[in-house]
Structures are given as structure tokens and as C-alpha cells.
Amino acid sequence: MTVERATMAFAGFMVLLSLALTWFVHTNWVWLTVFVGANLLQSAFTGFCPVSMIMAKMGLKTERECAVQR
């Protein structure tokens, strides 16, 4: 799995988790969904994503690194 795919999977998981927490625990958990969405939006424009940086440090390779290996 690459950094980009893992980041998308993590973001999707966080959105679903925050929606479940909003439904079952408290309505203020919706702000986690807002945060994840805002982070995805700013990442699309700036290319900066803290989760991607963490995953890269954990050893996942980027799409570019995988393409160079082929």
C-alpha cells in the first residue's frame, strides 16, 4: 500500500468513525468530520498532510517511489 492510498483510507475511516460517534455518542463529534474534510481540502491545494508524513516515516512508499522501482 502506498502513502497516498493509505491516506485516503485513513481519511475515509475517520469520516465514518466520526459519523458513527455523532450518531451514537454526541452531536459535537460532527466537528471531527469537519476537520477531516477541511484537512483534505487544504491538502489538495498545498500538498501538506500530516498523516501522509507520518505514514512515510512509518516506511510506506509513495506512488512515485513505487513507479521508479518498476
N, C-alpha and C. Protein backbone atom coordinates (compact mmCIF):
# COMPACT_ATOMS: atom_id res chain seq x y z
N MET A 1 0.85 -1.17 0.00
CA MET A 1 0.00 0.00 0.00
C MET A 1 0.89 1.23 0.00
N THR A 2 0.49 2.22 -0.75
CA THR A 2 1.27 3.45 -0.84
C THR A 2 0.77 4.49 0.15
N VAL A 3 1.56 5.52 0.34
CA VAL A 3 1.20 6.61 1.25
C VAL A 3 -0.12 7.25 0.82
N GLU A 4 -0.27 7.49 -0.47
CA GLU A 4 -1.47 8.16 -0.97
C GLU A 4 -2.73 7.33 -0.72
N ARG A 5 -2.65 6.04 -1.00
CA ARG A 5 -3.82 5.17 -0.78
C ARG A 5 -4.11 5.00 0.71
N ALA A 6 -3.08 4.89 1.51
CA ALA A 6 -3.28 4.75 2.95
C ALA A 6 -3.88 6.02 3.54
N THR A 7 -3.48 7.17 3.02
CA THR A 7 -4.05 8.43 3.49
C THR A 7 -5.53 8.53 3.15
N MET A 8 -5.89 8.13 1.94
CA MET A 8 -7.31 8.14 1.56
C MET A 8 -8.11 7.17 2.42
N ALA A 9 -7.55 5.99 2.68
CA ALA A 9 -8.23 5.00 3.51
C ALA A 9 -8.40 5.53 4.94
N PHE A 10 -7.37 6.17 5.46
CA PHE A 10 -7.44 6.73 6.81
C PHE A 10 -8.49 7.83 6.90
N ALA A 11 -8.52 8.70 5.90
CA ALA A 11 -9.50 9.79 5.89
C ALA A 11 -10.92 9.23 5.82
N GLY A 12 -11.13 8.25 4.98
CA GLY A 12 -12.45 7.63 4.88
C GLY A 12 -12.86 6.98 6.19
N PHE A 13 -11.92 6.28 6.83
CA PHE A 13 -12.21 5.66 8.12
C PHE A 13 -12.57 6.71 9.16
N MET A 14 -11.82 7.81 9.19
CA MET A 14 -12.08 8.86 10.17
C MET A 14 -13.45 9.50 9.96
N VAL A 15 -13.84 9.70 8.71
CA VAL A 15 -15.17 10.27 8.43
C VAL A 15 -16.26 9.31 8.92
N LEU A 16 -16.13 8.03 8.59
CA LEU A 16 -17.13 7.07 9.03
C LEU A 16 -17.16 6.94 10.55
N LEU A 17 -16.00 6.94 11.18
CA LEU A 17 -15.92 6.87 12.64
C LEU A 17 -16.59 8.08 13.27
N SER A 18 -16.30 9.26 12.76
CA SER A 18 -16.87 10.47 13.36
C SER A 18 -18.39 10.53 13.14
N LEU A 19 -18.87 10.02 12.02
CA LEU A 19 -20.31 9.97 11.82
C LEU A 19 -20.97 8.99 12.79
N ALA A 20 -20.33 7.85 13.02
CA ALA A 20 -20.86 6.89 14.00
C ALA A 20 -20.85 7.49 15.40
N LEU A 21 -19.77 8.16 15.76
CA LEU A 21 -19.70 8.80 17.08
C LEU A 21 -20.75 9.90 17.21
N THR A 22 -20.98 10.64 16.13
CA THR A 22 -22.02 11.67 16.14
C THR A 22 -23.39 11.05 16.38
N TRP A 23 -23.64 9.95 15.73
CA TRP A 23 -24.95 9.29 15.83
C TRP A 23 -25.17 8.65 17.21
N PHE A 24 -24.14 7.94 17.71
CA PHE A 24 -24.32 7.15 18.92
C PHE A 24 -23.87 7.82 20.21
N VAL A 25 -22.96 8.80 20.14
CA VAL A 25 -22.40 9.37 21.37
C VAL A 25 -22.89 10.79 21.60
N HIS A 26 -22.49 11.71 20.73
CA HIS A 26 -22.85 13.12 20.92
C HIS A 26 -22.72 13.85 19.60
N THR A 27 -23.58 14.82 19.39
CA THR A 27 -23.61 15.54 18.11
C THR A 27 -22.35 16.38 17.85
N ASN A 28 -21.62 16.72 18.89
CA ASN A 28 -20.41 17.53 18.69
C ASN A 28 -19.29 16.77 17.98
N TRP A 29 -19.41 15.44 17.86
CA TRP A 29 -18.41 14.67 17.12
C TRP A 29 -18.42 15.01 15.64
N VAL A 30 -19.46 15.69 15.18
CA VAL A 30 -19.51 16.09 13.77
C VAL A 30 -18.35 17.01 13.42
N TRP A 31 -17.79 17.67 14.43
CA TRP A 31 -16.66 18.57 14.17
C TRP A 31 -15.42 17.81 13.74
N LEU A 32 -15.31 16.56 14.10
CA LEU A 32 -14.21 15.74 13.60
C LEU A 32 -14.34 15.54 12.10
N THR A 33 -15.57 15.33 11.64
CA THR A 33 -15.81 15.22 10.19
C THR A 33 -15.44 16.51 9.49
N VAL A 34 -15.80 17.64 10.08
CA VAL A 34 -15.47 18.94 9.51
C VAL A 34 -13.96 19.11 9.44
N PHE A 35 -13.25 18.73 10.48
CA PHE A 35 -11.80 18.85 10.50
C PHE A 35 -11.15 17.99 9.42
N VAL A 36 -11.60 16.75 9.29
CA VAL A 36 -11.04 15.85 8.28
C VAL A 36 -11.29 16.41 6.88
N GLY A 37 -12.51 16.90 6.63
CA GLY A 37 -12.82 17.48 5.33
C GLY A 37 -11.99 18.71 5.03
N ALA A 38 -11.83 19.58 6.02
CA ALA A 38 -11.02 20.78 5.83
C ALA A 38 -9.55 20.42 5.58
N ASN A 39 -9.05 19.40 6.28
CA ASN A 39 -7.68 18.97 6.07
C ASN A 39 -7.50 18.39 4.67
N LEU A 40 -8.48 17.62 4.19
CA LEU A 40 -8.39 17.09 2.83
C LEU A 40 -8.40 18.22 1.80
N LEU A 41 -9.22 19.23 2.03
CA LEU A 41 -9.30 20.35 1.10
C LEU A 41 -7.99 21.13 1.06
N GLN A 42 -7.44 21.47 2.22
CA GLN A 42 -6.19 22.23 2.22
C GLN A 42 -5.05 21.39 1.67
N SER A 43 -5.08 20.08 1.89
CA SER A 43 -4.04 19.20 1.37
C SER A 43 -4.07 19.15 -0.16
N ALA A 44 -5.26 19.24 -0.73
CA ALA A 44 -5.37 19.23 -2.19
C ALA A 44 -4.69 20.45 -2.81
N PHE A 45 -4.71 21.57 -2.10
CA PHE A 45 -4.13 22.80 -2.64
C PHE A 45 -2.66 22.99 -2.26
N THR A 46 -2.29 22.54 -1.05
CA THR A 46 -0.94 22.81 -0.58
C THR A 46 -0.01 21.61 -0.69
N GLY A 47 -0.57 20.41 -0.71
CA GLY A 47 0.25 19.21 -0.73
C GLY A 47 0.77 18.81 0.64
N PHE A 48 0.39 19.55 1.67
CA PHE A 48 0.84 19.27 3.04
C PHE A 48 -0.22 18.46 3.77
N CYS A 49 0.15 17.27 4.24
CA CYS A 49 -0.76 16.43 5.01
C CYS A 49 0.04 15.74 6.11
N PRO A 50 -0.25 16.06 7.36
CA PRO A 50 0.49 15.45 8.47
C PRO A 50 0.41 13.92 8.48
N VAL A 51 -0.76 13.37 8.15
CA VAL A 51 -0.91 11.91 8.14
C VAL A 51 0.00 11.28 7.10
N SER A 52 0.11 11.90 5.94
CA SER A 52 1.00 11.37 4.90
C SER A 52 2.45 11.38 5.35
N MET A 53 2.84 12.42 6.06
CA MET A 53 4.20 12.50 6.57
C MET A 53 4.47 11.40 7.59
N ILE A 54 3.50 11.14 8.45
CA ILE A 54 3.65 10.08 9.46
C ILE A 54 3.75 8.72 8.78
N MET A 55 2.90 8.49 7.80
CA MET A 55 2.92 7.20 7.10
C MET A 55 4.22 6.99 6.33
N ALA A 56 4.75 8.05 5.77
CA ALA A 56 6.03 7.94 5.08
C ALA A 56 7.15 7.59 6.07
N LYS A 57 7.10 8.18 7.27
CA LYS A 57 8.11 7.86 8.29
C LYS A 57 7.95 6.44 8.81
N MET A 58 6.73 5.89 8.69
CA MET A 58 6.50 4.51 9.12
C MET A 58 7.01 3.51 8.08
N GLY A 59 7.42 4.01 6.92
CA GLY A 59 8.03 3.13 5.93
C GLY A 59 7.21 2.88 4.68
N LEU A 60 6.02 3.44 4.59
CA LEU A 60 5.24 3.28 3.36
C LEU A 60 5.89 4.08 2.24
N LYS A 61 5.81 3.57 1.05
CA LYS A 61 6.39 4.25 -0.11
C LYS A 61 5.33 5.06 -0.83
N THR A 62 5.80 6.12 -1.50
CA THR A 62 4.89 6.95 -2.28
C THR A 62 4.65 6.30 -3.64
N GLU A 63 3.65 6.80 -4.35
CA GLU A 63 3.37 6.31 -5.70
C GLU A 63 4.59 6.51 -6.59
N ARG A 64 5.27 7.63 -6.42
CA ARG A 64 6.46 7.92 -7.24
C ARG A 64 7.57 6.91 -6.98
N GLU A 65 7.80 6.60 -5.71
CA GLU A 65 8.84 5.62 -5.38
C GLU A 65 8.51 4.24 -5.94
N CYS A 66 7.24 3.87 -5.91
CA CYS A 66 6.83 2.58 -6.47
C CYS A 66 6.99 2.55 -7.98
N ALA A 67 6.71 3.67 -8.64
CA ALA A 67 6.84 3.73 -10.10
C ALA A 67 8.31 3.65 -10.52
N VAL A 68 9.19 4.24 -9.75
CA VAL A 68 10.62 4.20 -10.08
C VAL A 68 11.15 2.77 -9.93
N GLN A 69 10.64 2.04 -8.97
CA GLN A 69 11.10 0.67 -8.74
C GLN A 69 10.72 -0.27 -9.90
N ARG A 70 9.65 0.04 -10.60
CA ARG A 70 9.17 -0.85 -11.67
C ARG A 70 10.00 -0.74 -12.89
